[in-house]
Amino acid sequence: MLSALGFLSAAVTAQQIALMQVLGWMHWHHFAYMIVAIALLGFGVAGTVLALTRERLQRAWRSLLPWLALGTAIAMPLGVRLAQQEALAVDLPLVFLNPPNAWRLVALCVLLLPPFFCGGLATGLVLTAQARRAGLFYSASLAGAGAGGLAGLALVASVVPARLPAAVAALALGSAACLWREATSRARIAIVVTAVAVAAAWLAPGELQPSQFKPIRRALDLPDARVVAAGPGLHGWVQVVDAPALRPAP
């Protein structure tokens, strides 16, 4: 149980760092602050649900934990993938000029909220059900969150942005795997299915599209422009563009 909680906390923290990288590359660094707000909102909603349905959730908390961990794992790559759909794609500068983009921004927040809700509800449920040993479980959660911060930085420095959500989802999947013995037969089948889905998200991550207002997008619109080199790093996803039409202007 302690290891499961640690893995889950690591996944939630690493997801925040991964989303900062993904949305920062797609849009601008302003999304970094929004991700922290979404994470806090997800935990807040989870706390509200726990407060309103505490007795019902406590009666089945052991059977619920694997499902919450799986919900966290599957929602991480799924939310980013859905946010790429043209109908939901948001361009931050247009929010202030085109009202429909404001609703798209709300939709983006809703799509990115479930992993933090599931992770927060699972954490709160464990601490509530194990109130007499809350200190032990809380320390496991804090240790996992700290390790998740380091893991998130390591993933950002070594994994392309499109694959980051799937890589982080593996941590949440590890949390569910730690609960294998306590899981029901249905939950075990769900763990295997989720593992296949996460592997598929890693192998076929799709392409992230940068905002139309970012310089990289404008540079690639030039005749014969192409990306000649690209690589991840702690400072972001770096791309080198070769475009014969570009001219220096000192």
C-alpha atoms as a PDB file:
ATOM      1  CA  MET A   1       0.000   0.000   0.000  1.00  0.00           C
ATOM      2  CA  LEU A   2       2.824   2.407   0.829  1.00  0.00           C
ATOM      3  CA  SER A   3       4.587   1.756  -2.470  1.00  0.00           C
ATOM      4  CA  ALA A   4       1.317   2.185  -4.385  1.00  0.00           C
ATOM      5  CA  LEU A   5       0.718   5.555  -2.754  1.00  0.00           C
ATOM      6  CA  GLY A   6       4.315   6.587  -3.442  1.00  0.00           C
ATOM      7  CA  PHE A   7       4.063   5.682  -7.133  1.00  0.00           C
ATOM      8  CA  LEU A   8       0.766   7.533  -7.447  1.00  0.00           C
ATOM      9  CA  SER A   9       2.135  10.699  -5.857  1.00  0.00           C
ATOM     10  CA  ALA A  10       5.189  10.481  -8.109  1.00  0.00           C
ATOM     11  CA  ALA A  11       2.949  10.195 -11.174  1.00  0.00           C
ATOM     12  CA  VAL A  12       0.855  13.225 -10.203  1.00  0.00           C
ATOM     13  CA  THR A  13       3.917  15.409  -9.625  1.00  0.00           C
ATOM     14  CA  ALA A  14       5.686  14.210 -12.780  1.00  0.00           C
ATOM     15  CA  GLN A  15       2.501  14.863 -14.766  1.00  0.00           C
ATOM     16  CA  GLN A  16       2.578  18.530 -13.778  1.00  0.00           C
ATOM     17  CA  ILE A  17       6.153  18.875 -15.015  1.00  0.00           C
ATOM     18  CA  ALA A  18       5.365  16.964 -18.213  1.00  0.00           C
ATOM     19  CA  LEU A  19       2.341  19.140 -18.976  1.00  0.00           C
ATOM     20  CA  MET A  20       4.389  22.289 -18.401  1.00  0.00           C
ATOM     21  CA  GLN A  21       6.796  21.038 -21.051  1.00  0.00           C
ATOM     22  CA  VAL A  22       4.101  19.923 -23.500  1.00  0.00           C
ATOM     23  CA  LEU A  23       1.890  23.007 -23.259  1.00  0.00           C
ATOM     24  CA  GLY A  24       4.866  25.347 -22.988  1.00  0.00           C
ATOM     25  CA  TRP A  25       6.143  24.052 -26.316  1.00  0.00           C
ATOM     26  CA  MET A  26       2.716  24.069 -27.955  1.00  0.00           C
ATOM     27  CA  HIS A  27       1.785  27.510 -26.667  1.00  0.00           C
ATOM     28  CA  TRP A  28       3.774  29.658 -24.243  1.00  0.00           C
ATOM     29  CA  HIS A  29       5.262  29.487 -20.771  1.00  0.00           C
ATOM     30  CA  HIS A  30       2.075  30.993 -19.298  1.00  0.00           C
ATOM     31  CA  PHE A  31       0.571  27.513 -19.287  1.00  0.00           C
ATOM     32  CA  ALA A  32       3.057  26.499 -16.586  1.00  0.00           C
ATOM     33  CA  TYR A  33       1.104  28.516 -14.032  1.00  0.00           C
ATOM     34  CA  MET A  34      -2.202  27.140 -15.294  1.00  0.00           C
ATOM     35  CA  ILE A  35      -1.059  23.540 -14.774  1.00  0.00           C
ATOM     36  CA  VAL A  36      -0.428  24.195 -11.071  1.00  0.00           C
ATOM     37  CA  ALA A  37      -3.929  25.674 -10.803  1.00  0.00           C
ATOM     38  CA  ILE A  38      -5.481  22.656 -12.574  1.00  0.00           C
ATOM     39  CA  ALA A  39      -3.652  20.260 -10.230  1.00  0.00           C
ATOM     40  CA  LEU A  40      -4.871  22.132  -7.160  1.00  0.00           C
ATOM     41  CA  LEU A  41      -8.407  22.235  -8.563  1.00  0.00           C
ATOM     42  CA  GLY A  42      -8.333  18.493  -9.175  1.00  0.00           C
ATOM     43  CA  PHE A  43      -7.286  17.809  -5.598  1.00  0.00           C
ATOM     44  CA  GLY A  44      -9.909  20.251  -4.351  1.00  0.00           C
ATOM     45  CA  VAL A  45     -12.695  18.533  -6.286  1.00  0.00           C
ATOM     46  CA  ALA A  46     -11.464  15.172  -4.993  1.00  0.00           C
ATOM     47  CA  GLY A  47     -11.567  16.475  -1.414  1.00  0.00           C
ATOM     48  CA  THR A  48     -15.115  17.741  -1.918  1.00  0.00           C
ATOM     49  CA  VAL A  49     -16.269  14.384  -3.306  1.00  0.00           C
ATOM     50  CA  LEU A  50     -14.585  12.580  -0.415  1.00  0.00           C
ATOM     51  CA  ALA A  51     -16.251  14.857   2.127  1.00  0.00           C
ATOM     52  CA  LEU A  52     -19.708  14.337   0.601  1.00  0.00           C
ATOM     53  CA  THR A  53     -19.463  10.547   0.145  1.00  0.00           C
ATOM     54  CA  ARG A  54     -16.983   9.643   2.860  1.00  0.00           C
ATOM     55  CA  GLU A  55     -18.853   6.735   4.451  1.00  0.00           C
ATOM     56  CA  ARG A  56     -19.701   5.092   1.135  1.00  0.00           C
ATOM     57  CA  LEU A  57     -16.157   5.397  -0.213  1.00  0.00           C
ATOM     58  CA  GLN A  58     -14.552   4.167   3.005  1.00  0.00           C
ATOM     59  CA  ARG A  59     -16.526   0.930   2.912  1.00  0.00           C
ATOM     60  CA  ALA A  60     -14.969  -0.017  -0.420  1.00  0.00           C
ATOM     61  CA  TRP A  61     -11.689   1.882  -0.351  1.00  0.00           C
ATOM     62  CA  ARG A  62      -9.448  -1.134  -0.933  1.00  0.00           C
ATOM     63  CA  SER A  63     -11.307  -2.184  -4.073  1.00  0.00           C
ATOM     64  CA  LEU A  64     -11.477   1.408  -5.337  1.00  0.00           C
ATOM     65  CA  LEU A  65      -7.759   2.153  -5.151  1.00  0.00           C
ATOM     66  CA  PRO A  66      -6.674   0.070  -8.196  1.00  0.00           C
ATOM     67  CA  TRP A  67      -9.399   1.687 -10.294  1.00  0.00           C
ATOM     68  CA  LEU A  68      -8.383   5.182  -9.232  1.00  0.00           C
ATOM     69  CA  ALA A  69      -4.749   4.420 -10.082  1.00  0.00           C
ATOM     70  CA  LEU A  70      -5.819   3.080 -13.479  1.00  0.00           C
ATOM     71  CA  GLY A  71      -7.999   6.140 -14.033  1.00  0.00           C
ATOM     72  CA  THR A  72      -4.968   8.311 -13.365  1.00  0.00           C
ATOM     73  CA  ALA A  73      -2.838   6.317 -15.798  1.00  0.00           C
ATOM     74  CA  ILE A  74      -5.292   6.256 -18.693  1.00  0.00           C
ATOM     75  CA  ALA A  75      -6.361   9.902 -18.318  1.00  0.00           C
ATOM     76  CA  MET A  76      -2.806  11.252 -18.664  1.00  0.00           C
ATOM     77  CA  PRO A  77      -2.170  10.480 -22.357  1.00  0.00           C
ATOM     78  CA  LEU A  78      -5.874  10.554 -23.237  1.00  0.00           C
ATOM     79  CA  GLY A  79      -6.372  14.145 -22.082  1.00  0.00           C
ATOM     80  CA  VAL A  80      -3.401  15.419 -24.097  1.00  0.00           C
ATOM     81  CA  ARG A  81      -4.521  13.446 -27.161  1.00  0.00           C
ATOM     82  CA  LEU A  82      -8.074  14.837 -27.001  1.00  0.00           C
ATOM     83  CA  ALA A  83      -6.730  18.352 -26.567  1.00  0.00           C
ATOM     84  CA  GLN A  84      -5.159  17.975 -30.028  1.00  0.00           C
ATOM     85  CA  GLN A  85      -8.545  17.652 -31.705  1.00  0.00           C
ATOM     86  CA  GLU A  86      -9.287  20.573 -34.000  1.00  0.00           C
ATOM     87  CA  ALA A  87     -12.643  21.255 -32.351  1.00  0.00           C
ATOM     88  CA  LEU A  88     -10.973  21.628 -28.943  1.00  0.00           C
ATOM     89  CA  ALA A  89      -7.645  23.167 -29.964  1.00  0.00           C
ATOM     90  CA  VAL A  90      -7.096  26.480 -28.176  1.00  0.00           C
ATOM     91  CA  ASP A  91      -4.796  29.327 -29.148  1.00  0.00           C
ATOM     92  CA  LEU A  92      -4.096  31.379 -26.041  1.00  0.00           C
ATOM     93  CA  PRO A  93      -3.665  34.806 -27.740  1.00  0.00           C
ATOM     94  CA  LEU A  94      -7.101  34.390 -29.366  1.00  0.00           C
ATOM     95  CA  VAL A  95      -8.832  33.965 -25.993  1.00  0.00           C
ATOM     96  CA  PHE A  96      -8.919  37.755 -25.608  1.00  0.00           C
ATOM     97  CA  LEU A  97     -10.162  38.400 -29.160  1.00  0.00           C
ATOM     98  CA  ASN A  98     -12.407  35.448 -29.989  1.00  0.00           C
ATOM     99  CA  PRO A  99     -14.897  34.349 -27.252  1.00  0.00           C
ATOM    100  CA  PRO A 100     -15.218  30.715 -28.498  1.00  0.00           C
ATOM    101  CA  ASN A 101     -11.542  30.207 -27.648  1.00  0.00           C
ATOM    102  CA  ALA A 102     -12.347  30.956 -24.019  1.00  0.00           C
ATOM    103  CA  TRP A 103     -14.675  27.956 -23.963  1.00  0.00           C
ATOM    104  CA  ARG A 104     -11.957  25.884 -25.595  1.00  0.00           C
ATOM    105  CA  LEU A 105      -9.618  26.924 -22.801  1.00  0.00           C
ATOM    106  CA  VAL A 106     -12.200  25.694 -20.278  1.00  0.00           C
ATOM    107  CA  ALA A 107     -12.480  22.427 -22.222  1.00  0.00           C
ATOM    108  CA  LEU A 108      -8.696  22.057 -22.131  1.00  0.00           C
ATOM    109  CA  CYS A 109      -8.704  22.460 -18.344  1.00  0.00           C
ATOM    110  CA  VAL A 110     -11.464  19.853 -18.010  1.00  0.00           C
ATOM    111  CA  LEU A 111      -9.529  17.386 -20.184  1.00  0.00           C
ATOM    112  CA  LEU A 112      -6.374  17.777 -18.088  1.00  0.00           C
ATOM    113  CA  LEU A 113      -8.176  17.599 -14.721  1.00  0.00           C
ATOM    114  CA  PRO A 114      -9.033  13.835 -14.341  1.00  0.00           C
ATOM    115  CA  PRO A 115      -5.512  12.549 -13.463  1.00  0.00           C
ATOM    116  CA  PHE A 116      -5.243  15.004 -10.586  1.00  0.00           C
ATOM    117  CA  PHE A 117      -8.783  14.234  -9.439  1.00  0.00           C
ATOM    118  CA  CYS A 118      -8.199  10.466  -9.415  1.00  0.00           C
ATOM    119  CA  GLY A 119      -4.793  10.804  -7.770  1.00  0.00           C
ATOM    120  CA  GLY A 120      -6.100  13.234  -5.162  1.00  0.00           C
ATOM    121  CA  LEU A 121      -9.127  11.079  -4.357  1.00  0.00           C
ATOM    122  CA  ALA A 122      -6.978   7.964  -3.959  1.00  0.00           C
ATOM    123  CA  THR A 123      -4.546   9.790  -1.668  1.00  0.00           C
ATOM    124  CA  GLY A 124      -7.309  11.307   0.444  1.00  0.00           C
ATOM    125  CA  LEU A 125      -9.100   7.971   0.664  1.00  0.00           C
ATOM    126  CA  VAL A 126      -6.002   6.177   1.955  1.00  0.00           C
ATOM    127  CA  LEU A 127      -5.266   8.884   4.528  1.00  0.00           C
ATOM    128  CA  THR A 128      -8.897   8.830   5.688  1.00  0.00           C
ATOM    129  CA  ALA A 129      -9.187   5.054   5.907  1.00  0.00           C
ATOM    130  CA  GLN A 130      -5.785   4.752   7.591  1.00  0.00           C
ATOM    131  CA  ALA A 131      -6.196   7.744   9.909  1.00  0.00           C
ATOM    132  CA  ARG A 132      -4.397   6.012  12.790  1.00  0.00           C
ATOM    133  CA  ARG A 133      -1.307   5.581  10.586  1.00  0.00           C
ATOM    134  CA  ALA A 134      -1.768   8.766   8.598  1.00  0.00           C
ATOM    135  CA  GLY A 135       1.770   9.932   9.344  1.00  0.00           C
ATOM    136  CA  LEU A 136       3.287   6.826   7.764  1.00  0.00           C
ATOM    137  CA  PHE A 137       1.164   7.069   4.623  1.00  0.00           C
ATOM    138  CA  TYR A 138       1.596  10.829   4.374  1.00  0.00           C
ATOM    139  CA  SER A 139       5.371  10.446   4.486  1.00  0.00           C
ATOM    140  CA  ALA A 140       5.142   7.833   1.695  1.00  0.00           C
ATOM    141  CA  SER A 141       3.098  10.304  -0.341  1.00  0.00           C
ATOM    142  CA  LEU A 142       5.603  13.105   0.239  1.00  0.00           C
ATOM    143  CA  ALA A 143       8.539  10.861  -0.644  1.00  0.00           C
ATOM    144  CA  GLY A 144       6.785   9.774  -3.822  1.00  0.00           C
ATOM    145  CA  ALA A 145       6.014  13.373  -4.771  1.00  0.00           C
ATOM    146  CA  GLY A 146       9.664  14.329  -4.310  1.00  0.00           C
ATOM    147  CA  ALA A 147      10.808  11.392  -6.406  1.00  0.00           C
ATOM    148  CA  GLY A 148       8.184  12.303  -8.991  1.00  0.00           C
ATOM    149  CA  GLY A 149       9.668  15.782  -9.307  1.00  0.00           C
ATOM    150  CA  LEU A 150      13.073  14.304 -10.093  1.00  0.00           C
ATOM    151  CA  ALA A 151      11.532  11.722 -12.413  1.00  0.00           C
ATOM    152  CA  GLY A 152       9.615  14.453 -14.228  1.00  0.00           C
ATOM    153  CA  LEU A 153      12.788  16.435 -14.836  1.00  0.00           C
ATOM    154  CA  ALA A 154      14.593  13.316 -16.045  1.00  0.00           C
ATOM    155  CA  LEU A 155      11.767  12.515 -18.470  1.00  0.00           C
ATOM    156  CA  VAL A 156      11.631  16.085 -19.773  1.00  0.00           C
ATOM    157  CA  ALA A 157      15.376  15.942 -20.438  1.00  0.00           C
ATOM    158  CA  SER A 158      15.248  12.626 -22.313  1.00  0.00           C
ATOM    159  CA  VAL A 159      11.773  12.076 -23.826  1.00  0.00           C
ATOM    160  CA  VAL A 160      10.145  13.932 -26.719  1.00  0.00           C
ATOM    161  CA  PRO A 161       7.099  16.006 -25.630  1.00  0.00           C
ATOM    162  CA  ALA A 162       4.564  13.869 -27.485  1.00  0.00           C
ATOM    163  CA  ARG A 163       5.572  10.787 -25.475  1.00  0.00           C
ATOM    164  CA  LEU A 164       5.805  12.459 -22.064  1.00  0.00           C
ATOM    165  CA  PRO A 165       2.198  11.750 -20.946  1.00  0.00           C
ATOM    166  CA  ALA A 166       2.573   8.037 -21.734  1.00  0.00           C
ATOM    167  CA  ALA A 167       5.902   7.889 -19.896  1.00  0.00           C
ATOM    168  CA  VAL A 168       4.377   9.474 -16.799  1.00  0.00           C
ATOM    169  CA  ALA A 169       1.342   7.194 -17.053  1.00  0.00           C
ATOM    170  CA  ALA A 170       3.713   4.267 -16.503  1.00  0.00           C
ATOM    171  CA  LEU A 171       4.286   5.545 -12.951  1.00  0.00           C
ATOM    172  CA  ALA A 172       0.545   5.504 -12.228  1.00  0.00           C
ATOM    173  CA  LEU A 173       0.361   2.051 -13.793  1.00  0.00           C
ATOM    174  CA  GLY A 174       3.096   0.998 -11.374  1.00  0.00           C
ATOM    175  CA  SER A 175       0.846   2.123  -8.536  1.00  0.00           C
ATOM    176  CA  ALA A 176      -1.933  -0.156  -9.775  1.00  0.00           C
ATOM    177  CA  ALA A 177       0.545  -3.017 -10.192  1.00  0.00           C
ATOM    178  CA  CYS A 178       1.565  -2.659  -6.534  1.00  0.00           C
ATOM    179  CA  LEU A 179      -2.076  -3.389  -5.628  1.00  0.00           C
ATOM    180  CA  TRP A 180      -2.220  -6.549  -7.760  1.00  0.00           C
ATOM    181  CA  ARG A 181      -2.695  -8.929  -4.815  1.00  0.00           C
ATOM    182  CA  GLU A 182      -5.574  -6.923  -3.380  1.00  0.00           C
ATOM    183  CA  ALA A 183      -7.223  -6.294  -6.763  1.00  0.00           C
ATOM    184  CA  THR A 184     -10.248  -8.232  -7.958  1.00  0.00           C
ATOM    185  CA  SER A 185     -10.111 -10.320 -11.125  1.00  0.00           C
ATOM    186  CA  ARG A 186     -11.784  -7.509 -13.083  1.00  0.00           C
ATOM    187  CA  ALA A 187      -9.284  -5.003 -11.780  1.00  0.00           C
ATOM    188  CA  ARG A 188      -6.403  -7.282 -12.786  1.00  0.00           C
ATOM    189  CA  ILE A 189      -7.786  -7.545 -16.312  1.00  0.00           C
ATOM    190  CA  ALA A 190      -8.133  -3.752 -16.360  1.00  0.00           C
ATOM    191  CA  ILE A 191      -4.494  -3.375 -15.291  1.00  0.00           C
ATOM    192  CA  VAL A 192      -3.352  -5.512 -18.223  1.00  0.00           C
ATOM    193  CA  VAL A 193      -5.605  -3.642 -20.678  1.00  0.00           C
ATOM    194  CA  THR A 194      -4.378  -0.287 -19.376  1.00  0.00           C
ATOM    195  CA  ALA A 195      -0.762  -1.421 -19.735  1.00  0.00           C
ATOM    196  CA  VAL A 196      -1.436  -2.237 -23.393  1.00  0.00           C
ATOM    197  CA  ALA A 197      -3.127   1.139 -23.904  1.00  0.00           C
ATOM    198  CA  VAL A 198      -0.217   3.028 -22.316  1.00  0.00           C
ATOM    199  CA  ALA A 199       2.252   1.088 -24.465  1.00  0.00           C
ATOM    200  CA  ALA A 200       0.203   1.989 -27.545  1.00  0.00           C
ATOM    201  CA  ALA A 201       0.231   5.660 -26.518  1.00  0.00           C
ATOM    202  CA  TRP A 202       4.030   5.457 -26.242  1.00  0.00           C
ATOM    203  CA  LEU A 203       4.484   3.741 -29.612  1.00  0.00           C
ATOM    204  CA  ALA A 204       1.988   5.992 -31.433  1.00  0.00           C
ATOM    205  CA  PRO A 205       2.072   9.332 -29.601  1.00  0.00           C
ATOM    206  CA  GLY A 206       0.830  11.425 -32.505  1.00  0.00           C
ATOM    207  CA  GLU A 207       2.173  14.858 -33.366  1.00  0.00           C
ATOM    208  CA  LEU A 208       1.902  17.960 -31.217  1.00  0.00           C
ATOM    209  CA  GLN A 209       1.069  21.106 -33.163  1.00  0.00           C
ATOM    210  CA  PRO A 210       2.567  24.407 -31.972  1.00  0.00           C
ATOM    211  CA  SER A 211       0.446  27.526 -31.845  1.00  0.00           C
ATOM    212  CA  GLN A 212       0.127  29.452 -35.106  1.00  0.00           C
ATOM    213  CA  PHE A 213       1.628  32.458 -33.327  1.00  0.00           C
ATOM    214  CA  LYS A 214       4.880  30.777 -32.307  1.00  0.00           C
ATOM    215  CA  PRO A 215       8.049  31.577 -34.331  1.00  0.00           C
ATOM    216  CA  ILE A 216       8.707  27.896 -35.082  1.00  0.00           C
ATOM    217  CA  ARG A 217       5.344  27.653 -36.865  1.00  0.00           C
ATOM    218  CA  ARG A 218       6.054  30.755 -38.962  1.00  0.00           C
ATOM    219  CA  ALA A 219       9.551  29.568 -39.821  1.00  0.00           C
ATOM    220  CA  LEU A 220       8.244  26.199 -41.030  1.00  0.00           C
ATOM    221  CA  ASP A 221       5.752  27.997 -43.305  1.00  0.00           C
ATOM    222  CA  LEU A 222       8.619  29.400 -45.375  1.00  0.00           C
ATOM    223  CA  PRO A 223       9.462  27.727 -48.717  1.00  0.00           C
ATOM    224  CA  ASP A 224      11.617  24.600 -48.378  1.00  0.00           C
ATOM    225  CA  ALA A 225      11.821  25.009 -44.579  1.00  0.00           C
ATOM    226  CA  ARG A 226      12.568  21.820 -42.641  1.00  0.00           C
ATOM    227  CA  VAL A 227      13.627  20.697 -39.178  1.00  0.00           C
ATOM    228  CA  VAL A 228      17.193  19.417 -39.451  1.00  0.00           C
ATOM    229  CA  ALA A 229      17.721  18.565 -35.780  1.00  0.00           C
ATOM    230  CA  ALA A 230      15.621  18.250 -32.630  1.00  0.00           C
ATOM    231  CA  GLY A 231      16.190  17.091 -29.101  1.00  0.00           C
ATOM    232  CA  PRO A 232      14.744  17.260 -25.581  1.00  0.00           C
ATOM    233  CA  GLY A 233      16.374  19.099 -22.706  1.00  0.00           C
ATOM    234  CA  LEU A 234      15.659  20.600 -19.311  1.00  0.00           C
ATOM    235  CA  HIS A 235      15.140  23.986 -20.968  1.00  0.00           C
ATOM    236  CA  GLY A 236      12.612  22.659 -23.463  1.00  0.00           C
ATOM    237  CA  TRP A 237      12.245  20.929 -26.818  1.00  0.00           C
ATOM    238  CA  VAL A 238      14.924  22.408 -29.090  1.00  0.00           C
ATOM    239  CA  GLN A 239      14.471  22.365 -32.865  1.00  0.00           C
ATOM    240  CA  VAL A 240      16.909  23.569 -35.506  1.00  0.00           C
ATOM    241  CA  VAL A 241      15.235  24.794 -38.696  1.00  0.00           C
ATOM    242  CA  ASP A 242      16.868  25.178 -42.084  1.00  0.00           C
ATOM    243  CA  ALA A 243      15.005  27.623 -44.346  1.00  0.00           C
ATOM    244  CA  PRO A 244      16.686  29.083 -47.461  1.00  0.00           C
ATOM    245  CA  ALA A 245      14.252  32.020 -47.373  1.00  0.00           C
ATOM    246  CA  LEU A 246      15.533  33.177 -43.971  1.00  0.00           C
ATOM    247  CA  ARG A 247      17.909  36.130 -44.097  1.00  0.00           C
ATOM    248  CA  PRO A 248      19.738  37.815 -41.226  1.00  0.00           C
ATOM    249  CA  ALA A 249      18.731  41.390 -40.473  1.00  0.00           C
ATOM    250  CA  PRO A 250      21.315  42.949 -38.112  1.00  0.00           C
END
